[in-house]
Amino acid sequence: MGGYVEAGGTTIWAESRGRGPDVLLIAGLSDPAEAWQAQLDALSDRYRVIAFDNRGAGRTPLPDGPMSVASMADDAAELLRVLGVGRAHVAGFSGGSAIAQELALRHPQAVRSLVLMSTWARADAYFTAMTRSWHRLATEASDERAMLESFLLWVYTPRAHADGTVRWIVDETLAFPYPQSAEAFQRQLDSFMEHDTLDRLPGVTAPTLVLAGELDIATPPRLGRVVAEAIPGARFEVLAGEAHQPFQESPDVFNARVDAFWRHAGGAAPA
């Protein structure tokens, strides 16, 4: 069930599905809540699964004022409060993992556990050059299809390009009735490029699982390992044969892993 929620002066579109321990899914750059469709469908038999559109993505408007990862983390905390959620299992992907880190640091009382997929703590030279190229791509590509085809080279495995999955995702994105503007893409990206929690991550107190795709070229495992080593007691795992977005490419593998982690961290009983 989806709808608009007034949270801290921001009108956020959110979807809540199922009953059970609360799970908050935080999407990455450009992605609306629908990016988590496989998790909304498969995990709502044992959890209350909440997904939402970050500022400037999907149905949530782009703010006029400053935009930062910290402000998006505050949005997430306020969304949980408005929905009556005391503490949630939080899973963030890519840019959403940056938001999830800030949420755990700024609002630790709201986070029962933390899953960080395709994450980083501080941009290095390669990451900075990559994201700058994405920034240019948003306005210099010949059209939206060309932009998506180029951008998604960084996101999915070679098999997803070979078997038609990426072609289908491009078509679905172009047909989505709430397209993201180039300005919104760039402003979201600017926020994520400035993300830096490396020196603060030892302050994360929630049980944490850091996942990386073996074939991820956007946020390679070396970046996720740095995050896991900085968070006390965090577990680090590399998903063999996966790239940046395994929760879409291999949802059964991803869902089983996070479900096991949430149950161990005090979540639901086995389905």
C-alpha atoms as a PDB file:
ATOM      1  CA  MET A   1       0.000   0.000   0.000  1.00  0.00           C
ATOM      2  CA  GLY A   2       1.580   3.264  -1.104  1.00  0.00           C
ATOM      3  CA  GLY A   3       0.855   6.913  -0.431  1.00  0.00           C
ATOM      4  CA  TYR A   4       2.248  10.301   0.499  1.00  0.00           C
ATOM      5  CA  VAL A   5       3.531  11.014   4.004  1.00  0.00           C
ATOM      6  CA  GLU A   6       4.310  14.441   5.454  1.00  0.00           C
ATOM      7  CA  ALA A   7       7.634  14.031   7.212  1.00  0.00           C
ATOM      8  CA  GLY A   8       9.569  16.983   8.567  1.00  0.00           C
ATOM      9  CA  GLY A   9       8.270  19.420   5.959  1.00  0.00           C
ATOM     10  CA  THR A  10       8.950  17.030   3.081  1.00  0.00           C
ATOM     11  CA  THR A  11       6.223  15.179   1.197  1.00  0.00           C
ATOM     12  CA  ILE A  12       7.587  11.638   0.840  1.00  0.00           C
ATOM     13  CA  TRP A  13       6.023   8.839  -1.157  1.00  0.00           C
ATOM     14  CA  ALA A  14       6.292   5.543   0.714  1.00  0.00           C
ATOM     15  CA  GLU A  15       4.995   2.016   0.376  1.00  0.00           C
ATOM     16  CA  SER A  16       4.339  -0.276   3.347  1.00  0.00           C
ATOM     17  CA  ARG A  17       3.642  -3.960   2.846  1.00  0.00           C
ATOM     18  CA  GLY A  18       3.060  -6.867   5.235  1.00  0.00           C
ATOM     19  CA  ARG A  19       3.080  -7.346   9.000  1.00  0.00           C
ATOM     20  CA  GLY A  20       5.836  -8.213  11.443  1.00  0.00           C
ATOM     21  CA  PRO A  21       9.130  -6.618  12.501  1.00  0.00           C
ATOM     22  CA  ASP A  22       9.693  -3.359  10.664  1.00  0.00           C
ATOM     23  CA  VAL A  23      12.160  -3.185   7.762  1.00  0.00           C
ATOM     24  CA  LEU A  24      13.134   0.078   6.052  1.00  0.00           C
ATOM     25  CA  LEU A  25      14.642  -0.189   2.562  1.00  0.00           C
ATOM     26  CA  ILE A  26      16.587   2.853   1.323  1.00  0.00           C
ATOM     27  CA  ALA A  27      17.143   3.081  -2.422  1.00  0.00           C
ATOM     28  CA  GLY A  28      20.180   4.435  -4.227  1.00  0.00           C
ATOM     29  CA  LEU A  29      20.843   7.119  -6.816  1.00  0.00           C
ATOM     30  CA  SER A  30      17.808   7.806  -9.016  1.00  0.00           C
ATOM     31  CA  ASP A  31      15.901   4.717  -7.841  1.00  0.00           C
ATOM     32  CA  PRO A  32      12.266   4.949  -6.714  1.00  0.00           C
ATOM     33  CA  ALA A  33      10.747   2.557  -4.188  1.00  0.00           C
ATOM     34  CA  GLU A  34       9.924   0.145  -7.026  1.00  0.00           C
ATOM     35  CA  ALA A  35      13.607  -0.785  -7.181  1.00  0.00           C
ATOM     36  CA  TRP A  36      12.848  -2.965  -4.136  1.00  0.00           C
ATOM     37  CA  GLN A  37       9.897  -4.771  -5.735  1.00  0.00           C
ATOM     38  CA  ALA A  38      11.417  -8.237  -5.263  1.00  0.00           C
ATOM     39  CA  GLN A  39      11.886  -7.545  -1.550  1.00  0.00           C
ATOM     40  CA  LEU A  40       8.427  -6.001  -1.104  1.00  0.00           C
ATOM     41  CA  ASP A  41       6.934  -9.094  -2.734  1.00  0.00           C
ATOM     42  CA  ALA A  42       9.024 -11.798  -1.062  1.00  0.00           C
ATOM     43  CA  LEU A  43       9.657 -10.528   2.470  1.00  0.00           C
ATOM     44  CA  SER A  44       6.297  -9.043   3.401  1.00  0.00           C
ATOM     45  CA  ASP A  45       5.004 -12.451   4.532  1.00  0.00           C
ATOM     46  CA  ARG A  46       7.116 -12.089   7.682  1.00  0.00           C
ATOM     47  CA  TYR A  47       8.040  -8.399   7.945  1.00  0.00           C
ATOM     48  CA  ARG A  48       6.428  -5.021   7.566  1.00  0.00           C
ATOM     49  CA  VAL A  49       8.510  -3.821   4.624  1.00  0.00           C
ATOM     50  CA  ILE A  50       8.710  -0.079   3.982  1.00  0.00           C
ATOM     51  CA  ALA A  51      10.263   1.456   0.874  1.00  0.00           C
ATOM     52  CA  PHE A  52      10.161   5.100  -0.175  1.00  0.00           C
ATOM     53  CA  ASP A  53      11.272   7.622  -2.768  1.00  0.00           C
ATOM     54  CA  ASN A  54      14.218   9.742  -1.627  1.00  0.00           C
ATOM     55  CA  ARG A  55      14.179  13.472  -2.310  1.00  0.00           C
ATOM     56  CA  GLY A  56      14.272  14.080  -6.048  1.00  0.00           C
ATOM     57  CA  ALA A  57      13.423  10.495  -7.025  1.00  0.00           C
ATOM     58  CA  GLY A  58      10.087   9.050  -8.103  1.00  0.00           C
ATOM     59  CA  ARG A  59       7.150  10.888  -6.520  1.00  0.00           C
ATOM     60  CA  THR A  60       9.095  12.735  -3.789  1.00  0.00           C
ATOM     61  CA  PRO A  61       9.850  16.274  -4.997  1.00  0.00           C
ATOM     62  CA  LEU A  62      13.279  17.819  -5.284  1.00  0.00           C
ATOM     63  CA  PRO A  63      13.710  20.443  -2.539  1.00  0.00           C
ATOM     64  CA  ASP A  64      14.486  24.051  -3.349  1.00  0.00           C
ATOM     65  CA  GLY A  65      17.087  24.375  -0.605  1.00  0.00           C
ATOM     66  CA  PRO A  66      20.286  22.513   0.223  1.00  0.00           C
ATOM     67  CA  MET A  67      20.323  18.746  -0.124  1.00  0.00           C
ATOM     68  CA  SER A  68      22.627  16.353   1.706  1.00  0.00           C
ATOM     69  CA  VAL A  69      22.939  12.749   2.801  1.00  0.00           C
ATOM     70  CA  ALA A  70      22.332  13.931   6.369  1.00  0.00           C
ATOM     71  CA  SER A  71      19.060  15.611   5.404  1.00  0.00           C
ATOM     72  CA  MET A  72      17.917  12.454   3.605  1.00  0.00           C
ATOM     73  CA  ALA A  73      18.791  10.422   6.715  1.00  0.00           C
ATOM     74  CA  ASP A  74      16.660  12.829   8.750  1.00  0.00           C
ATOM     75  CA  ASP A  75      13.853  12.268   6.224  1.00  0.00           C
ATOM     76  CA  ALA A  76      14.101   8.524   6.825  1.00  0.00           C
ATOM     77  CA  ALA A  77      14.023   8.958  10.606  1.00  0.00           C
ATOM     78  CA  GLU A  78      11.008  11.244  10.412  1.00  0.00           C
ATOM     79  CA  LEU A  79       9.243   8.833   8.045  1.00  0.00           C
ATOM     80  CA  LEU A  80       9.682   6.043  10.583  1.00  0.00           C
ATOM     81  CA  ARG A  81       8.364   8.281  13.353  1.00  0.00           C
ATOM     82  CA  VAL A  82       5.273   9.315  11.363  1.00  0.00           C
ATOM     83  CA  LEU A  83       4.565   5.685  10.478  1.00  0.00           C
ATOM     84  CA  GLY A  84       4.738   4.754  14.149  1.00  0.00           C
ATOM     85  CA  VAL A  85       7.910   2.681  13.845  1.00  0.00           C
ATOM     86  CA  GLY A  86      10.069   2.646  16.948  1.00  0.00           C
ATOM     87  CA  ARG A  87      13.032   0.690  15.592  1.00  0.00           C
ATOM     88  CA  ALA A  88      13.572  -0.881  12.190  1.00  0.00           C
ATOM     89  CA  HIS A  89      15.936  -3.207  10.416  1.00  0.00           C
ATOM     90  CA  VAL A  90      17.471  -0.788   7.894  1.00  0.00           C
ATOM     91  CA  ALA A  91      18.885  -1.890   4.535  1.00  0.00           C
ATOM     92  CA  GLY A  92      20.480   0.659   2.241  1.00  0.00           C
ATOM     93  CA  PHE A  93      21.818   0.177  -1.267  1.00  0.00           C
ATOM     94  CA  SER A  94      24.629   2.292  -2.793  1.00  0.00           C
ATOM     95  CA  GLY A  95      23.591   5.915  -2.197  1.00  0.00           C
ATOM     96  CA  GLY A  96      20.950   4.502   0.111  1.00  0.00           C
ATOM     97  CA  SER A  97      23.708   2.808   2.097  1.00  0.00           C
ATOM     98  CA  ALA A  98      25.275   6.239   2.645  1.00  0.00           C
ATOM     99  CA  ILE A  99      21.901   7.455   3.936  1.00  0.00           C
ATOM    100  CA  ALA A 100      21.638   4.343   6.129  1.00  0.00           C
ATOM    101  CA  GLN A 101      25.072   5.029   7.650  1.00  0.00           C
ATOM    102  CA  GLU A 102      24.020   8.571   8.536  1.00  0.00           C
ATOM    103  CA  LEU A 103      20.703   7.319   9.889  1.00  0.00           C
ATOM    104  CA  ALA A 104      22.513   4.900  12.212  1.00  0.00           C
ATOM    105  CA  LEU A 105      24.844   7.672  13.379  1.00  0.00           C
ATOM    106  CA  ARG A 106      22.311  10.501  13.701  1.00  0.00           C
ATOM    107  CA  HIS A 107      19.320   8.462  14.917  1.00  0.00           C
ATOM    108  CA  PRO A 108      20.720   5.296  16.523  1.00  0.00           C
ATOM    109  CA  GLN A 109      17.542   4.714  18.495  1.00  0.00           C
ATOM    110  CA  ALA A 110      15.659   4.136  15.211  1.00  0.00           C
ATOM    111  CA  VAL A 111      17.951   1.390  13.877  1.00  0.00           C
ATOM    112  CA  ARG A 112      17.613  -2.197  15.082  1.00  0.00           C
ATOM    113  CA  SER A 113      20.144  -3.537  12.589  1.00  0.00           C
ATOM    114  CA  LEU A 114      21.956  -2.329   9.499  1.00  0.00           C
ATOM    115  CA  VAL A 115      22.533  -3.908   6.075  1.00  0.00           C
ATOM    116  CA  LEU A 116      24.834  -1.934   3.786  1.00  0.00           C
ATOM    117  CA  MET A 117      24.838  -3.133   0.176  1.00  0.00           C
ATOM    118  CA  SER A 118      27.367  -1.764  -2.345  1.00  0.00           C
ATOM    119  CA  THR A 119      28.679   0.794   0.102  1.00  0.00           C
ATOM    120  CA  TRP A 120      31.592   3.116   0.788  1.00  0.00           C
ATOM    121  CA  ALA A 121      32.694   5.437   3.585  1.00  0.00           C
ATOM    122  CA  ARG A 122      34.844   8.001   1.785  1.00  0.00           C
ATOM    123  CA  ALA A 123      35.325   8.625  -1.922  1.00  0.00           C
ATOM    124  CA  ASP A 124      38.744   7.809  -3.377  1.00  0.00           C
ATOM    125  CA  ALA A 125      40.169   9.173  -6.634  1.00  0.00           C
ATOM    126  CA  TYR A 126      38.602   6.440  -8.785  1.00  0.00           C
ATOM    127  CA  PHE A 127      35.164   6.833  -7.200  1.00  0.00           C
ATOM    128  CA  THR A 128      35.336  10.617  -7.619  1.00  0.00           C
ATOM    129  CA  ALA A 129      36.298  10.367 -11.303  1.00  0.00           C
ATOM    130  CA  MET A 130      33.526   7.822 -11.922  1.00  0.00           C
ATOM    131  CA  THR A 131      30.797   9.934 -10.342  1.00  0.00           C
ATOM    132  CA  ARG A 132      31.979  13.067 -12.143  1.00  0.00           C
ATOM    133  CA  SER A 133      31.556  11.184 -15.421  1.00  0.00           C
ATOM    134  CA  TRP A 134      27.997  10.282 -14.377  1.00  0.00           C
ATOM    135  CA  HIS A 135      27.345  13.936 -13.600  1.00  0.00           C
ATOM    136  CA  ARG A 136      28.328  14.921 -17.148  1.00  0.00           C
ATOM    137  CA  LEU A 137      26.406  12.018 -18.620  1.00  0.00           C
ATOM    138  CA  ALA A 138      23.101  13.313 -17.256  1.00  0.00           C
ATOM    139  CA  THR A 139      23.203  16.389 -19.487  1.00  0.00           C
ATOM    140  CA  GLU A 140      25.551  15.381 -22.308  1.00  0.00           C
ATOM    141  CA  ALA A 141      23.978  12.085 -23.424  1.00  0.00           C
ATOM    142  CA  SER A 142      22.067  12.384 -26.680  1.00  0.00           C
ATOM    143  CA  ASP A 143      18.811  11.239 -25.087  1.00  0.00           C
ATOM    144  CA  GLU A 144      17.493   9.469 -21.978  1.00  0.00           C
ATOM    145  CA  ARG A 145      17.877   5.991 -23.460  1.00  0.00           C
ATOM    146  CA  ALA A 146      21.511   6.656 -24.307  1.00  0.00           C
ATOM    147  CA  MET A 147      22.084   7.986 -20.798  1.00  0.00           C
ATOM    148  CA  LEU A 148      20.575   4.869 -19.194  1.00  0.00           C
ATOM    149  CA  GLU A 149      22.427   2.455 -21.456  1.00  0.00           C
ATOM    150  CA  SER A 150      25.727   4.132 -20.564  1.00  0.00           C
ATOM    151  CA  PHE A 151      25.009   4.529 -16.841  1.00  0.00           C
ATOM    152  CA  LEU A 152      23.816   0.948 -16.364  1.00  0.00           C
ATOM    153  CA  LEU A 153      27.136  -0.412 -17.655  1.00  0.00           C
ATOM    154  CA  TRP A 154      28.383   0.372 -14.128  1.00  0.00           C
ATOM    155  CA  VAL A 155      25.467  -1.306 -12.383  1.00  0.00           C
ATOM    156  CA  TYR A 156      24.678  -4.778 -13.740  1.00  0.00           C
ATOM    157  CA  THR A 157      26.629  -7.946 -14.483  1.00  0.00           C
ATOM    158  CA  PRO A 158      27.646  -8.978 -18.012  1.00  0.00           C
ATOM    159  CA  ARG A 159      25.010 -11.716 -17.838  1.00  0.00           C
ATOM    160  CA  ALA A 160      22.278  -9.128 -17.264  1.00  0.00           C
ATOM    161  CA  HIS A 161      23.367  -7.329 -20.413  1.00  0.00           C
ATOM    162  CA  ALA A 162      23.557 -10.594 -22.355  1.00  0.00           C
ATOM    163  CA  ASP A 163      20.198 -12.040 -21.322  1.00  0.00           C
ATOM    164  CA  GLY A 164      18.127  -8.913 -21.987  1.00  0.00           C
ATOM    165  CA  THR A 165      17.596  -7.904 -18.353  1.00  0.00           C
ATOM    166  CA  VAL A 166      19.227  -4.511 -18.809  1.00  0.00           C
ATOM    167  CA  ARG A 167      17.256  -3.846 -21.990  1.00  0.00           C
ATOM    168  CA  TRP A 168      14.054  -4.597 -20.065  1.00  0.00           C
ATOM    169  CA  ILE A 169      15.113  -2.307 -17.190  1.00  0.00           C
ATOM    170  CA  VAL A 170      15.812   0.540 -19.627  1.00  0.00           C
ATOM    171  CA  ASP A 171      12.373   0.106 -21.210  1.00  0.00           C
ATOM    172  CA  GLU A 172      10.683  -0.016 -17.799  1.00  0.00           C
ATOM    173  CA  THR A 173      12.536   3.096 -16.638  1.00  0.00           C
ATOM    174  CA  LEU A 174      11.551   5.031 -19.750  1.00  0.00           C
ATOM    175  CA  ALA A 175       7.928   3.989 -19.252  1.00  0.00           C
ATOM    176  CA  PHE A 176       7.882   4.961 -15.536  1.00  0.00           C
ATOM    177  CA  PRO A 177       5.380   7.826 -15.116  1.00  0.00           C
ATOM    178  CA  TYR A 178       7.584   9.728 -12.647  1.00  0.00           C
ATOM    179  CA  PRO A 179      10.915  10.213 -14.452  1.00  0.00           C
ATOM    180  CA  GLN A 180      13.817  11.844 -12.670  1.00  0.00           C
ATOM    181  CA  SER A 181      15.072  15.099 -14.158  1.00  0.00           C
ATOM    182  CA  ALA A 182      18.730  15.610 -15.000  1.00  0.00           C
ATOM    183  CA  GLU A 183      18.896  18.281 -12.287  1.00  0.00           C
ATOM    184  CA  ALA A 184      17.531  15.887  -9.655  1.00  0.00           C
ATOM    185  CA  PHE A 185      19.975  13.170 -10.745  1.00  0.00           C
ATOM    186  CA  GLN A 186      22.894  15.571 -10.478  1.00  0.00           C
ATOM    187  CA  ARG A 187      21.835  17.034  -7.122  1.00  0.00           C
ATOM    188  CA  GLN A 188      21.352  13.576  -5.616  1.00  0.00           C
ATOM    189  CA  LEU A 189      24.714  12.566  -7.027  1.00  0.00           C
ATOM    190  CA  ASP A 190      26.387  15.690  -5.609  1.00  0.00           C
ATOM    191  CA  SER A 191      25.116  14.709  -2.154  1.00  0.00           C
ATOM    192  CA  PHE A 192      26.462  11.179  -2.443  1.00  0.00           C
ATOM    193  CA  MET A 193      29.829  12.392  -3.768  1.00  0.00           C
ATOM    194  CA  GLU A 194      30.255  14.426  -0.564  1.00  0.00           C
ATOM    195  CA  HIS A 195      29.441  11.475   1.707  1.00  0.00           C
ATOM    196  CA  ASP A 196      32.178  10.862   4.278  1.00  0.00           C
ATOM    197  CA  THR A 197      31.584   8.872   7.463  1.00  0.00           C
ATOM    198  CA  LEU A 198      34.922   7.081   7.741  1.00  0.00           C
ATOM    199  CA  ASP A 199      36.020   8.728  10.975  1.00  0.00           C
ATOM    200  CA  ARG A 200      32.542   8.411  12.539  1.00  0.00           C
ATOM    201  CA  LEU A 201      31.701   4.796  11.674  1.00  0.00           C
ATOM    202  CA  PRO A 202      33.147   3.439  14.946  1.00  0.00           C
ATOM    203  CA  GLY A 203      30.147   5.125  16.550  1.00  0.00           C
ATOM    204  CA  VAL A 204      27.652   2.787  14.826  1.00  0.00           C
ATOM    205  CA  THR A 205      26.141   0.573  17.523  1.00  0.00           C
ATOM    206  CA  ALA A 206      23.619  -1.481  15.513  1.00  0.00           C
ATOM    207  CA  PRO A 207      24.502  -5.035  14.380  1.00  0.00           C
ATOM    208  CA  THR A 208      25.781  -4.556  10.840  1.00  0.00           C
ATOM    209  CA  LEU A 209      26.117  -6.692   7.717  1.00  0.00           C
ATOM    210  CA  VAL A 210      28.128  -5.244   4.819  1.00  0.00           C
ATOM    211  CA  LEU A 211      27.582  -6.895   1.430  1.00  0.00           C
ATOM    212  CA  ALA A 212      29.606  -6.362  -1.737  1.00  0.00           C
ATOM    213  CA  GLY A 213      29.317  -7.787  -5.220  1.00  0.00           C
ATOM    214  CA  GLU A 214      32.404  -9.607  -6.437  1.00  0.00           C
ATOM    215  CA  LEU A 215      32.061  -7.988  -9.889  1.00  0.00           C
ATOM    216  CA  ASP A 216      30.962  -4.529  -8.713  1.00  0.00           C
ATOM    217  CA  ILE A 217      33.001  -1.853 -10.492  1.00  0.00           C
ATOM    218  CA  ALA A 218      31.071   1.113  -9.049  1.00  0.00           C
ATOM    219  CA  THR A 219      31.604   0.261  -5.362  1.00  0.00           C
ATOM    220  CA  PRO A 220      34.068  -2.643  -5.445  1.00  0.00           C
ATOM    221  CA  PRO A 221      34.538  -4.927  -2.435  1.00  0.00           C
ATOM    222  CA  ARG A 222      37.603  -3.007  -1.241  1.00  0.00           C
ATOM    223  CA  LEU A 223      35.360  -0.048  -0.388  1.00  0.00           C
ATOM    224  CA  GLY A 224      32.857  -2.184   1.495  1.00  0.00           C
ATOM    225  CA  ARG A 225      35.626  -3.867   3.441  1.00  0.00           C
ATOM    226  CA  VAL A 226      36.779  -0.465   4.730  1.00  0.00           C
ATOM    227  CA  VAL A 227      33.252   0.205   6.010  1.00  0.00           C
ATOM    228  CA  ALA A 228      33.024  -3.180   7.743  1.00  0.00           C
ATOM    229  CA  GLU A 229      36.415  -2.789   9.369  1.00  0.00           C
ATOM    230  CA  ALA A 230      35.412   0.613  10.768  1.00  0.00           C
ATOM    231  CA  ILE A 231      32.112  -0.525  12.346  1.00  0.00           C
ATOM    232  CA  PRO A 232      32.555  -2.507  15.573  1.00  0.00           C
ATOM    233  CA  GLY A 233      31.553  -6.134  15.112  1.00  0.00           C
ATOM    234  CA  ALA A 234      30.367  -5.702  11.522  1.00  0.00           C
ATOM    235  CA  ARG A 235      30.283  -8.732   9.244  1.00  0.00           C
ATOM    236  CA  PHE A 236      31.605  -8.421   5.675  1.00  0.00           C
ATOM    237  CA  GLU A 237      30.590 -10.749   2.853  1.00  0.00           C
ATOM    238  CA  VAL A 238      31.272 -10.775  -0.877  1.00  0.00           C
ATOM    239  CA  LEU A 239      28.522 -12.154  -3.128  1.00  0.00           C
ATOM    240  CA  ALA A 240      30.235 -14.272  -5.775  1.00  0.00           C
ATOM    241  CA  GLY A 241      29.394 -13.458  -9.382  1.00  0.00           C
ATOM    242  CA  GLU A 242      27.329 -10.379  -8.479  1.00  0.00           C
ATOM    243  CA  ALA A 243      27.783  -6.730  -9.370  1.00  0.00           C
ATOM    244  CA  HIS A 244      26.364  -3.500  -7.962  1.00  0.00           C
ATOM    245  CA  GLN A 245      22.683  -4.419  -7.681  1.00  0.00           C
ATOM    246  CA  PRO A 246      22.307  -8.087  -6.629  1.00  0.00           C
ATOM    247  CA  PHE A 247      19.029  -7.508  -4.800  1.00  0.00           C
ATOM    248  CA  GLN A 248      17.508  -7.134  -8.284  1.00  0.00           C
ATOM    249  CA  GLU A 249      19.632  -9.611 -10.258  1.00  0.00           C
ATOM    250  CA  SER A 250      19.634 -12.391  -7.636  1.00  0.00           C
ATOM    251  CA  PRO A 251      16.810 -11.507  -5.249  1.00  0.00           C
ATOM    252  CA  ASP A 252      16.462 -15.010  -3.797  1.00  0.00           C
ATOM    253  CA  VAL A 253      20.108 -14.998  -2.709  1.00  0.00           C
ATOM    254  CA  PHE A 254      19.909 -11.470  -1.311  1.00  0.00           C
ATOM    255  CA  ASN A 255      16.575 -12.013   0.440  1.00  0.00           C
ATOM    256  CA  ALA A 256      17.701 -15.232   2.102  1.00  0.00           C
ATOM    257  CA  ARG A 257      20.881 -13.610   3.383  1.00  0.00           C
ATOM    258  CA  VAL A 258      19.268 -10.505   4.848  1.00  0.00           C
ATOM    259  CA  ASP A 259      16.384 -12.533   6.303  1.00  0.00           C
ATOM    260  CA  ALA A 260      18.863 -14.762   8.134  1.00  0.00           C
ATOM    261  CA  PHE A 261      20.713 -11.702   9.403  1.00  0.00           C
ATOM    262  CA  TRP A 262      17.532  -9.992  10.604  1.00  0.00           C
ATOM    263  CA  ARG A 263      16.378 -13.124  12.419  1.00  0.00           C
ATOM    264  CA  HIS A 264      19.760 -13.384  14.118  1.00  0.00           C
ATOM    265  CA  ALA A 265      19.502  -9.683  15.044  1.00  0.00           C
ATOM    266  CA  GLY A 266      16.109 -10.179  16.652  1.00  0.00           C
ATOM    267  CA  GLY A 267      13.707 -10.101  13.738  1.00  0.00           C
ATOM    268  CA  ALA A 268      11.092 -12.534  12.459  1.00  0.00           C
ATOM    269  CA  ALA A 269      10.779 -16.259  12.872  1.00  0.00           C
ATOM    270  CA  PRO A 270      11.513 -18.366   9.782  1.00  0.00           C
ATOM    271  CA  ALA A 271       8.764 -18.247   7.166  1.00  0.00           C
END
